Amino acid sequence: MARGMELPEIEAAEWLNTEAPLTLAALRGRVVVIEAFQMLCPGCVSHGLPQVQRLRQTFDVRDVMVLGLHAVFEHHAAMTPVALRAFLHEYRIRFPVAVDAPGAGALPRTMAAWGLEGTPTLLLLDRQGILRARHFGQVPDMALGAEVMALVAEPAGG
């Protein structure tokens, strides 16, 4: 998906750390940070997930919503929802996490629909639900904080 467009909705097999499934449409009005990850991805565990946890601690949830997308495209047998629940507990990940629905091929549905290259991938949506940034791999903390703050500072109406 190109910057400046709305993302298709998340196609989740299930949601963790939330009482009800979430939609991108329902989150309009807030900046949305989405971390696409796999629990066996070294870059996700060492950098991506800790970074979005820091974002979640830094910004008010009324302004910035952090979501995880567990997008498994390899080692399927090892990365089950049961293992993911234990992983989220052990790493104290409290933000909502969608388990990407299996696709027809190797890629899960949301990952394929969004054209993601792999994990970790971080996506930033503005308050109108428009994709404003897409980062594959590591993003420096200061650069990401500046990007998020710029989106938070934008007027709610665009």
N, C-alpha and C. Protein backbone atom coordinates (compact mmCIF):
# COMPACT_ATOMS: atom_id res chain seq x y z
N MET A 1 0.84 -1.18 0.00
CA MET A 1 0.00 0.00 0.00
C MET A 1 0.88 1.24 0.00
N ALA A 2 0.47 2.21 -0.78
CA ALA A 2 1.24 3.44 -0.91
C ALA A 2 0.86 4.45 0.17
N ARG A 3 1.82 5.28 0.50
CA ARG A 3 1.52 6.37 1.44
C ARG A 3 0.42 7.23 0.84
N GLY A 4 -0.37 7.82 1.72
CA GLY A 4 -1.45 8.68 1.26
C GLY A 4 -2.75 7.95 1.00
N MET A 5 -2.78 6.65 1.28
CA MET A 5 -3.99 5.86 1.06
C MET A 5 -4.46 5.26 2.37
N GLU A 6 -5.73 4.85 2.40
CA GLU A 6 -6.25 4.10 3.53
C GLU A 6 -5.85 2.65 3.38
N LEU A 7 -5.51 2.02 4.48
CA LEU A 7 -5.21 0.60 4.45
C LEU A 7 -6.51 -0.19 4.47
N PRO A 8 -6.54 -1.35 3.83
CA PRO A 8 -7.68 -2.25 4.03
C PRO A 8 -7.72 -2.65 5.51
N GLU A 9 -8.89 -3.01 5.99
CA GLU A 9 -9.03 -3.42 7.39
C GLU A 9 -8.17 -4.64 7.69
N ILE A 10 -7.81 -4.76 8.95
CA ILE A 10 -7.06 -5.91 9.43
C ILE A 10 -7.96 -7.14 9.37
N GLU A 11 -7.45 -8.22 8.80
CA GLU A 11 -8.18 -9.49 8.75
C GLU A 11 -7.58 -10.40 9.82
N ALA A 12 -8.17 -10.36 10.99
CA ALA A 12 -7.61 -11.08 12.13
C ALA A 12 -8.33 -12.40 12.36
N ALA A 13 -7.55 -13.44 12.62
CA ALA A 13 -8.11 -14.71 13.05
C ALA A 13 -8.60 -14.58 14.48
N GLU A 14 -7.90 -13.74 15.26
CA GLU A 14 -8.32 -13.41 16.62
C GLU A 14 -7.55 -12.19 17.09
N TRP A 15 -8.05 -11.58 18.16
CA TRP A 15 -7.41 -10.42 18.79
C TRP A 15 -7.02 -10.81 20.20
N LEU A 16 -5.86 -10.33 20.63
CA LEU A 16 -5.39 -10.53 22.00
C LEU A 16 -5.22 -9.16 22.66
N ASN A 17 -5.31 -9.14 23.97
CA ASN A 17 -5.15 -7.91 24.77
C ASN A 17 -6.23 -6.86 24.50
N THR A 18 -7.39 -7.28 24.09
CA THR A 18 -8.51 -6.37 23.90
C THR A 18 -9.80 -7.16 24.10
N GLU A 19 -10.81 -6.50 24.63
CA GLU A 19 -12.07 -7.20 24.90
C GLU A 19 -12.86 -7.49 23.64
N ALA A 20 -12.67 -6.67 22.60
CA ALA A 20 -13.43 -6.83 21.36
C ALA A 20 -12.50 -6.55 20.18
N PRO A 21 -12.81 -7.12 19.02
CA PRO A 21 -12.00 -6.83 17.84
C PRO A 21 -11.98 -5.32 17.54
N LEU A 22 -10.87 -4.86 17.02
CA LEU A 22 -10.71 -3.45 16.67
C LEU A 22 -10.74 -3.28 15.16
N THR A 23 -11.15 -2.11 14.72
CA THR A 23 -11.09 -1.79 13.30
C THR A 23 -10.34 -0.47 13.13
N LEU A 24 -9.71 -0.32 11.99
CA LEU A 24 -9.02 0.93 11.71
C LEU A 24 -10.02 2.07 11.61
N ALA A 25 -11.19 1.80 11.06
CA ALA A 25 -12.22 2.83 10.95
C ALA A 25 -12.64 3.35 12.32
N ALA A 26 -12.77 2.47 13.29
CA ALA A 26 -13.18 2.87 14.63
C ALA A 26 -12.09 3.68 15.35
N LEU A 27 -10.85 3.58 14.88
CA LEU A 27 -9.74 4.28 15.52
C LEU A 27 -9.47 5.66 14.91
N ARG A 28 -10.27 6.04 13.90
CA ARG A 28 -10.09 7.37 13.31
C ARG A 28 -10.25 8.42 14.39
N GLY A 29 -9.46 9.47 14.27
CA GLY A 29 -9.42 10.50 15.30
C GLY A 29 -8.16 10.37 16.14
N ARG A 30 -7.51 9.21 16.05
CA ARG A 30 -6.24 8.98 16.75
C ARG A 30 -5.17 8.64 15.73
N VAL A 31 -3.94 8.94 16.07
CA VAL A 31 -2.81 8.43 15.29
C VAL A 31 -2.71 6.95 15.64
N VAL A 32 -2.49 6.11 14.63
CA VAL A 32 -2.39 4.67 14.86
C VAL A 32 -1.00 4.20 14.44
N VAL A 33 -0.34 3.51 15.36
CA VAL A 33 0.98 2.91 15.11
C VAL A 33 0.76 1.41 15.07
N ILE A 34 1.14 0.77 13.97
CA ILE A 34 0.98 -0.67 13.83
C ILE A 34 2.36 -1.30 13.66
N GLU A 35 2.67 -2.24 14.53
CA GLU A 35 3.93 -2.99 14.45
C GLU A 35 3.60 -4.39 13.95
N ALA A 36 3.98 -4.68 12.71
CA ALA A 36 3.84 -6.03 12.16
C ALA A 36 5.08 -6.81 12.59
N PHE A 37 4.85 -7.94 13.24
CA PHE A 37 5.96 -8.67 13.83
C PHE A 37 5.69 -10.17 13.81
N GLN A 38 6.76 -10.92 14.07
CA GLN A 38 6.69 -12.35 14.37
C GLN A 38 7.47 -12.54 15.65
N MET A 39 6.98 -13.41 16.52
CA MET A 39 7.66 -13.55 17.81
C MET A 39 9.03 -14.21 17.69
N LEU A 40 9.34 -14.88 16.57
CA LEU A 40 10.67 -15.47 16.38
C LEU A 40 11.56 -14.60 15.48
N CYS A 41 11.17 -13.36 15.27
CA CYS A 41 11.95 -12.42 14.47
C CYS A 41 12.89 -11.65 15.39
N PRO A 42 14.21 -11.83 15.26
CA PRO A 42 15.14 -11.15 16.16
C PRO A 42 15.00 -9.63 16.18
N GLY A 43 14.83 -9.01 15.02
CA GLY A 43 14.67 -7.55 14.97
C GLY A 43 13.39 -7.08 15.64
N CYS A 44 12.35 -7.90 15.57
CA CYS A 44 11.08 -7.56 16.23
C CYS A 44 11.25 -7.57 17.74
N VAL A 45 11.90 -8.62 18.25
CA VAL A 45 12.05 -8.79 19.69
C VAL A 45 13.04 -7.79 20.28
N SER A 46 14.14 -7.53 19.56
CA SER A 46 15.18 -6.66 20.12
C SER A 46 14.89 -5.18 19.89
N HIS A 47 14.15 -4.85 18.84
CA HIS A 47 13.98 -3.43 18.53
C HIS A 47 12.51 -3.02 18.34
N GLY A 48 11.82 -3.65 17.40
CA GLY A 48 10.47 -3.20 17.02
C GLY A 48 9.47 -3.18 18.16
N LEU A 49 9.32 -4.29 18.85
CA LEU A 49 8.34 -4.37 19.94
C LEU A 49 8.71 -3.48 21.12
N PRO A 50 9.97 -3.47 21.58
CA PRO A 50 10.31 -2.54 22.67
C PRO A 50 10.07 -1.08 22.27
N GLN A 51 10.32 -0.75 21.01
CA GLN A 51 10.13 0.62 20.56
C GLN A 51 8.66 1.04 20.62
N VAL A 52 7.75 0.18 20.14
CA VAL A 52 6.34 0.57 20.20
C VAL A 52 5.80 0.52 21.63
N GLN A 53 6.40 -0.31 22.48
CA GLN A 53 6.02 -0.27 23.89
C GLN A 53 6.39 1.09 24.50
N ARG A 54 7.55 1.63 24.11
CA ARG A 54 7.94 2.96 24.59
C ARG A 54 6.99 4.03 24.05
N LEU A 55 6.58 3.89 22.80
CA LEU A 55 5.60 4.85 22.25
C LEU A 55 4.31 4.80 23.05
N ARG A 56 3.87 3.60 23.35
CA ARG A 56 2.62 3.44 24.11
C ARG A 56 2.73 4.10 25.48
N GLN A 57 3.89 4.01 26.09
CA GLN A 57 4.09 4.62 27.41
C GLN A 57 4.24 6.14 27.32
N THR A 58 4.68 6.64 26.18
CA THR A 58 4.96 8.06 26.02
C THR A 58 3.71 8.88 25.67
N PHE A 59 2.88 8.34 24.80
CA PHE A 59 1.73 9.09 24.29
C PHE A 59 0.42 8.64 24.93
N ASP A 60 -0.47 9.59 25.11
CA ASP A 60 -1.81 9.30 25.64
C ASP A 60 -2.57 8.44 24.64
N VAL A 61 -3.23 7.41 25.12
CA VAL A 61 -3.97 6.49 24.24
C VAL A 61 -5.10 7.20 23.51
N ARG A 62 -5.52 8.36 24.00
CA ARG A 62 -6.56 9.13 23.29
C ARG A 62 -5.98 9.79 22.05
N ASP A 63 -4.65 9.94 21.99
CA ASP A 63 -3.99 10.54 20.83
C ASP A 63 -3.33 9.51 19.93
N VAL A 64 -2.70 8.50 20.55
CA VAL A 64 -1.93 7.51 19.79
C VAL A 64 -2.32 6.10 20.24
N MET A 65 -2.77 5.30 19.28
CA MET A 65 -3.13 3.90 19.55
C MET A 65 -2.06 3.00 18.94
N VAL A 66 -1.48 2.16 19.76
CA VAL A 66 -0.48 1.20 19.30
C VAL A 66 -1.16 -0.16 19.14
N LEU A 67 -0.94 -0.78 17.98
CA LEU A 67 -1.47 -2.11 17.68
C LEU A 67 -0.33 -3.00 17.23
N GLY A 68 -0.45 -4.27 17.51
CA GLY A 68 0.46 -5.26 16.96
C GLY A 68 -0.27 -6.09 15.92
N LEU A 69 0.45 -6.51 14.91
CA LEU A 69 -0.08 -7.44 13.90
C LEU A 69 0.90 -8.61 13.84
N HIS A 70 0.48 -9.75 14.41
CA HIS A 70 1.35 -10.93 14.37
C HIS A 70 1.13 -11.59 13.01
N ALA A 71 2.07 -11.33 12.10
CA ALA A 71 1.95 -11.74 10.70
C ALA A 71 2.97 -12.85 10.43
N VAL A 72 2.52 -14.09 10.59
CA VAL A 72 3.43 -15.24 10.46
C VAL A 72 3.50 -15.69 9.00
N PHE A 73 4.71 -15.64 8.45
CA PHE A 73 4.92 -16.11 7.07
C PHE A 73 6.00 -17.19 7.00
N GLU A 74 6.49 -17.63 8.16
CA GLU A 74 7.47 -18.71 8.23
C GLU A 74 7.35 -19.36 9.60
N HIS A 75 7.85 -20.57 9.74
CA HIS A 75 7.82 -21.30 11.02
C HIS A 75 6.42 -21.34 11.63
N HIS A 76 5.42 -21.60 10.78
CA HIS A 76 4.02 -21.58 11.22
C HIS A 76 3.74 -22.48 12.43
N ALA A 77 4.32 -23.66 12.44
CA ALA A 77 4.03 -24.62 13.52
C ALA A 77 4.50 -24.11 14.88
N ALA A 78 5.55 -23.29 14.89
CA ALA A 78 6.10 -22.80 16.15
C ALA A 78 5.39 -21.54 16.66
N MET A 79 4.74 -20.80 15.77
CA MET A 79 4.17 -19.51 16.16
C MET A 79 2.65 -19.55 16.18
N THR A 80 2.13 -20.35 17.06
CA THR A 80 0.68 -20.52 17.20
C THR A 80 0.12 -19.44 18.13
N PRO A 81 -1.19 -19.24 18.10
CA PRO A 81 -1.80 -18.29 19.04
C PRO A 81 -1.51 -18.64 20.51
N VAL A 82 -1.43 -19.91 20.84
CA VAL A 82 -1.11 -20.30 22.23
C VAL A 82 0.29 -19.83 22.59
N ALA A 83 1.25 -20.05 21.71
CA ALA A 83 2.62 -19.59 21.95
C ALA A 83 2.67 -18.06 21.99
N LEU A 84 1.88 -17.41 21.15
CA LEU A 84 1.85 -15.95 21.13
C LEU A 84 1.32 -15.40 22.46
N ARG A 85 0.30 -16.02 23.01
CA ARG A 85 -0.23 -15.57 24.31
C ARG A 85 0.86 -15.62 25.38
N ALA A 86 1.62 -16.69 25.40
CA ALA A 86 2.72 -16.82 26.37
C ALA A 86 3.80 -15.76 26.10
N PHE A 87 4.12 -15.54 24.85
CA PHE A 87 5.10 -14.54 24.46
C PHE A 87 4.67 -13.14 24.93
N LEU A 88 3.43 -12.77 24.67
CA LEU A 88 2.93 -11.45 25.07
C LEU A 88 2.98 -11.30 26.58
N HIS A 89 2.66 -12.36 27.30
CA HIS A 89 2.71 -12.32 28.76
C HIS A 89 4.15 -12.15 29.25
N GLU A 90 5.06 -12.95 28.72
CA GLU A 90 6.46 -12.91 29.17
C GLU A 90 7.13 -11.58 28.86
N TYR A 91 6.80 -10.98 27.72
CA TYR A 91 7.41 -9.71 27.32
C TYR A 91 6.60 -8.51 27.79
N ARG A 92 5.53 -8.77 28.54
CA ARG A 92 4.67 -7.72 29.11
C ARG A 92 4.12 -6.79 28.03
N ILE A 93 3.72 -7.36 26.94
CA ILE A 93 3.11 -6.58 25.85
C ILE A 93 1.62 -6.49 26.14
N ARG A 94 1.15 -5.28 26.38
CA ARG A 94 -0.22 -5.07 26.81
C ARG A 94 -1.11 -4.46 25.73
N PHE A 95 -0.52 -3.94 24.66
CA PHE A 95 -1.35 -3.32 23.62
C PHE A 95 -2.07 -4.39 22.80
N PRO A 96 -3.17 -4.03 22.13
CA PRO A 96 -3.91 -5.01 21.34
C PRO A 96 -3.06 -5.60 20.21
N VAL A 97 -3.21 -6.90 20.02
CA VAL A 97 -2.47 -7.61 18.97
C VAL A 97 -3.46 -8.44 18.16
N ALA A 98 -3.43 -8.23 16.85
CA ALA A 98 -4.24 -9.02 15.93
C ALA A 98 -3.39 -10.18 15.42
N VAL A 99 -3.96 -11.37 15.42
CA VAL A 99 -3.31 -12.53 14.80
C VAL A 99 -3.77 -12.53 13.35
N ASP A 100 -2.87 -12.23 12.43
CA ASP A 100 -3.22 -12.13 11.02
C ASP A 100 -3.80 -13.45 10.53
N ALA A 101 -4.91 -13.38 9.81
CA ALA A 101 -5.60 -14.57 9.30
C ALA A 101 -4.75 -15.25 8.22
N PRO A 102 -4.72 -16.58 8.24
CA PRO A 102 -3.96 -17.30 7.21
C PRO A 102 -4.46 -16.95 5.81
N GLY A 103 -3.52 -16.88 4.88
CA GLY A 103 -3.86 -16.59 3.49
C GLY A 103 -3.84 -17.85 2.66
N ALA A 104 -4.10 -17.66 1.38
CA ALA A 104 -4.10 -18.79 0.45
C ALA A 104 -2.69 -19.32 0.21
N GLY A 105 -1.69 -18.43 0.30
CA GLY A 105 -0.30 -18.84 0.09
C GLY A 105 0.48 -18.76 1.39
N ALA A 106 1.74 -18.41 1.27
CA ALA A 106 2.61 -18.34 2.45
C ALA A 106 2.30 -17.13 3.32
N LEU A 107 1.83 -16.04 2.69
CA LEU A 107 1.59 -14.81 3.45
C LEU A 107 0.20 -14.79 4.05
N PRO A 108 0.09 -14.31 5.29
CA PRO A 108 -1.24 -14.12 5.87
C PRO A 108 -1.98 -12.98 5.15
N ARG A 109 -3.27 -12.92 5.35
CA ARG A 109 -4.14 -12.03 4.56
C ARG A 109 -3.81 -10.55 4.68
N THR A 110 -3.69 -10.04 5.90
CA THR A 110 -3.44 -8.60 6.05
C THR A 110 -2.07 -8.25 5.51
N MET A 111 -1.09 -9.06 5.81
CA MET A 111 0.27 -8.81 5.33
C MET A 111 0.27 -8.73 3.80
N ALA A 112 -0.43 -9.63 3.15
CA ALA A 112 -0.50 -9.62 1.68
C ALA A 112 -1.27 -8.40 1.18
N ALA A 113 -2.40 -8.09 1.81
CA ALA A 113 -3.22 -6.96 1.37
C ALA A 113 -2.48 -5.64 1.51
N TRP A 114 -1.66 -5.53 2.53
CA TRP A 114 -0.90 -4.31 2.75
C TRP A 114 0.42 -4.28 2.00
N GLY A 115 0.79 -5.38 1.34
CA GLY A 115 2.03 -5.44 0.58
C GLY A 115 3.28 -5.34 1.44
N LEU A 116 3.23 -5.94 2.64
CA LEU A 116 4.39 -5.88 3.52
C LEU A 116 5.49 -6.81 3.03
N GLU A 117 6.74 -6.38 3.21
CA GLU A 117 7.90 -7.13 2.75
C GLU A 117 8.41 -8.13 3.76
N GLY A 118 8.09 -7.93 5.02
CA GLY A 118 8.58 -8.80 6.08
C GLY A 118 8.39 -8.13 7.42
N THR A 119 9.11 -8.65 8.40
CA THR A 119 9.02 -8.09 9.75
C THR A 119 10.41 -7.77 10.26
N PRO A 120 10.54 -6.77 11.11
CA PRO A 120 9.50 -5.88 11.59
C PRO A 120 9.16 -4.80 10.55
N THR A 121 7.88 -4.47 10.50
CA THR A 121 7.41 -3.34 9.70
C THR A 121 6.54 -2.48 10.59
N LEU A 122 6.81 -1.19 10.58
CA LEU A 122 6.05 -0.24 11.37
C LEU A 122 5.28 0.68 10.42
N LEU A 123 3.99 0.83 10.69
CA LEU A 123 3.13 1.69 9.88
C LEU A 123 2.55 2.79 10.75
N LEU A 124 2.47 4.00 10.20
CA LEU A 124 1.87 5.13 10.90
C LEU A 124 0.68 5.63 10.11
N LEU A 125 -0.47 5.70 10.78
CA LEU A 125 -1.68 6.24 10.17
C LEU A 125 -2.02 7.55 10.85
N ASP A 126 -2.44 8.53 10.07
CA ASP A 126 -2.84 9.80 10.68
C ASP A 126 -4.25 9.69 11.25
N ARG A 127 -4.75 10.77 11.78
CA ARG A 127 -6.05 10.77 12.46
C ARG A 127 -7.21 10.44 11.52
N GLN A 128 -7.00 10.59 10.22
CA GLN A 128 -8.02 10.27 9.22
C GLN A 128 -7.90 8.84 8.70
N GLY A 129 -6.93 8.09 9.23
CA GLY A 129 -6.74 6.71 8.81
C GLY A 129 -5.90 6.56 7.55
N ILE A 130 -5.18 7.59 7.18
CA ILE A 130 -4.35 7.59 5.97
C ILE A 130 -2.93 7.14 6.34
N LEU A 131 -2.37 6.23 5.54
CA LEU A 131 -1.01 5.75 5.75
C LEU A 131 -0.03 6.88 5.46
N ARG A 132 0.72 7.28 6.47
CA ARG A 132 1.66 8.38 6.33
C ARG A 132 3.11 7.94 6.33
N ALA A 133 3.40 6.76 6.91
CA ALA A 133 4.78 6.27 6.92
C ALA A 133 4.75 4.75 7.01
N ARG A 134 5.76 4.17 6.39
CA ARG A 134 5.93 2.71 6.40
C ARG A 134 7.42 2.43 6.48
N HIS A 135 7.82 1.76 7.55
CA HIS A 135 9.24 1.49 7.79
C HIS A 135 9.45 -0.02 7.90
N PHE A 136 10.30 -0.55 7.04
CA PHE A 136 10.68 -1.96 7.10
C PHE A 136 12.05 -2.02 7.75
N GLY A 137 12.15 -2.73 8.86
CA GLY A 137 13.41 -2.82 9.58
C GLY A 137 13.46 -1.82 10.71
N GLN A 138 14.65 -1.51 11.15
CA GLN A 138 14.85 -0.66 12.32
C GLN A 138 14.65 0.81 11.99
N VAL A 139 13.99 1.52 12.89
CA VAL A 139 13.76 2.97 12.79
C VAL A 139 14.39 3.61 14.02
N PRO A 140 15.21 4.64 13.84
CA PRO A 140 15.77 5.31 15.02
C PRO A 140 14.65 5.89 15.90
N ASP A 141 14.80 5.76 17.22
CA ASP A 141 13.79 6.24 18.16
C ASP A 141 13.45 7.72 17.97
N MET A 142 14.47 8.55 17.85
CA MET A 142 14.23 9.99 17.74
C MET A 142 13.46 10.32 16.45
N ALA A 143 13.80 9.67 15.37
CA ALA A 143 13.10 9.92 14.10
C ALA A 143 11.64 9.49 14.20
N LEU A 144 11.41 8.32 14.79
CA LEU A 144 10.03 7.84 14.93
C LEU A 144 9.24 8.74 15.88
N GLY A 145 9.84 9.13 16.99
CA GLY A 145 9.16 10.04 17.91
C GLY A 145 8.77 11.34 17.23
N ALA A 146 9.66 11.88 16.39
CA ALA A 146 9.36 13.12 15.66
C ALA A 146 8.22 12.91 14.68
N GLU A 147 8.20 11.77 13.99
CA GLU A 147 7.11 11.48 13.06
C GLU A 147 5.77 11.38 13.78
N VAL A 148 5.75 10.65 14.89
CA VAL A 148 4.51 10.49 15.64
C VAL A 148 4.06 11.84 16.19
N MET A 149 4.98 12.61 16.77
CA MET A 149 4.61 13.91 17.33
C MET A 149 4.06 14.84 16.25
N ALA A 150 4.63 14.80 15.06
CA ALA A 150 4.12 15.65 13.96
C ALA A 150 2.68 15.26 13.62
N LEU A 151 2.38 13.97 13.62
CA LEU A 151 1.01 13.54 13.33
C LEU A 151 0.07 13.91 14.46
N VAL A 152 0.52 13.80 15.70
CA VAL A 152 -0.31 14.18 16.85
C VAL A 152 -0.61 15.68 16.80
N ALA A 153 0.36 16.47 16.37
CA ALA A 153 0.21 17.94 16.35
C ALA A 153 -0.69 18.44 15.22
N GLU A 154 -0.96 17.58 14.22
CA GLU A 154 -1.82 18.01 13.13
C GLU A 154 -3.25 18.23 13.64
N PRO A 155 -3.96 19.19 13.06
CA PRO A 155 -5.36 19.39 13.48
C PRO A 155 -6.17 18.12 13.26
N ALA A 156 -7.10 17.87 14.14
CA ALA A 156 -7.93 16.66 14.07
C ALA A 156 -8.69 16.55 12.75
N GLY A 157 -9.01 17.65 12.14
CA GLY A 157 -9.75 17.62 10.88
C GLY A 157 -8.88 17.44 9.66
N GLY A 158 -7.57 17.28 9.81
CA GLY A 158 -6.69 17.06 8.66
C GLY A 158 -5.84 18.16 8.37
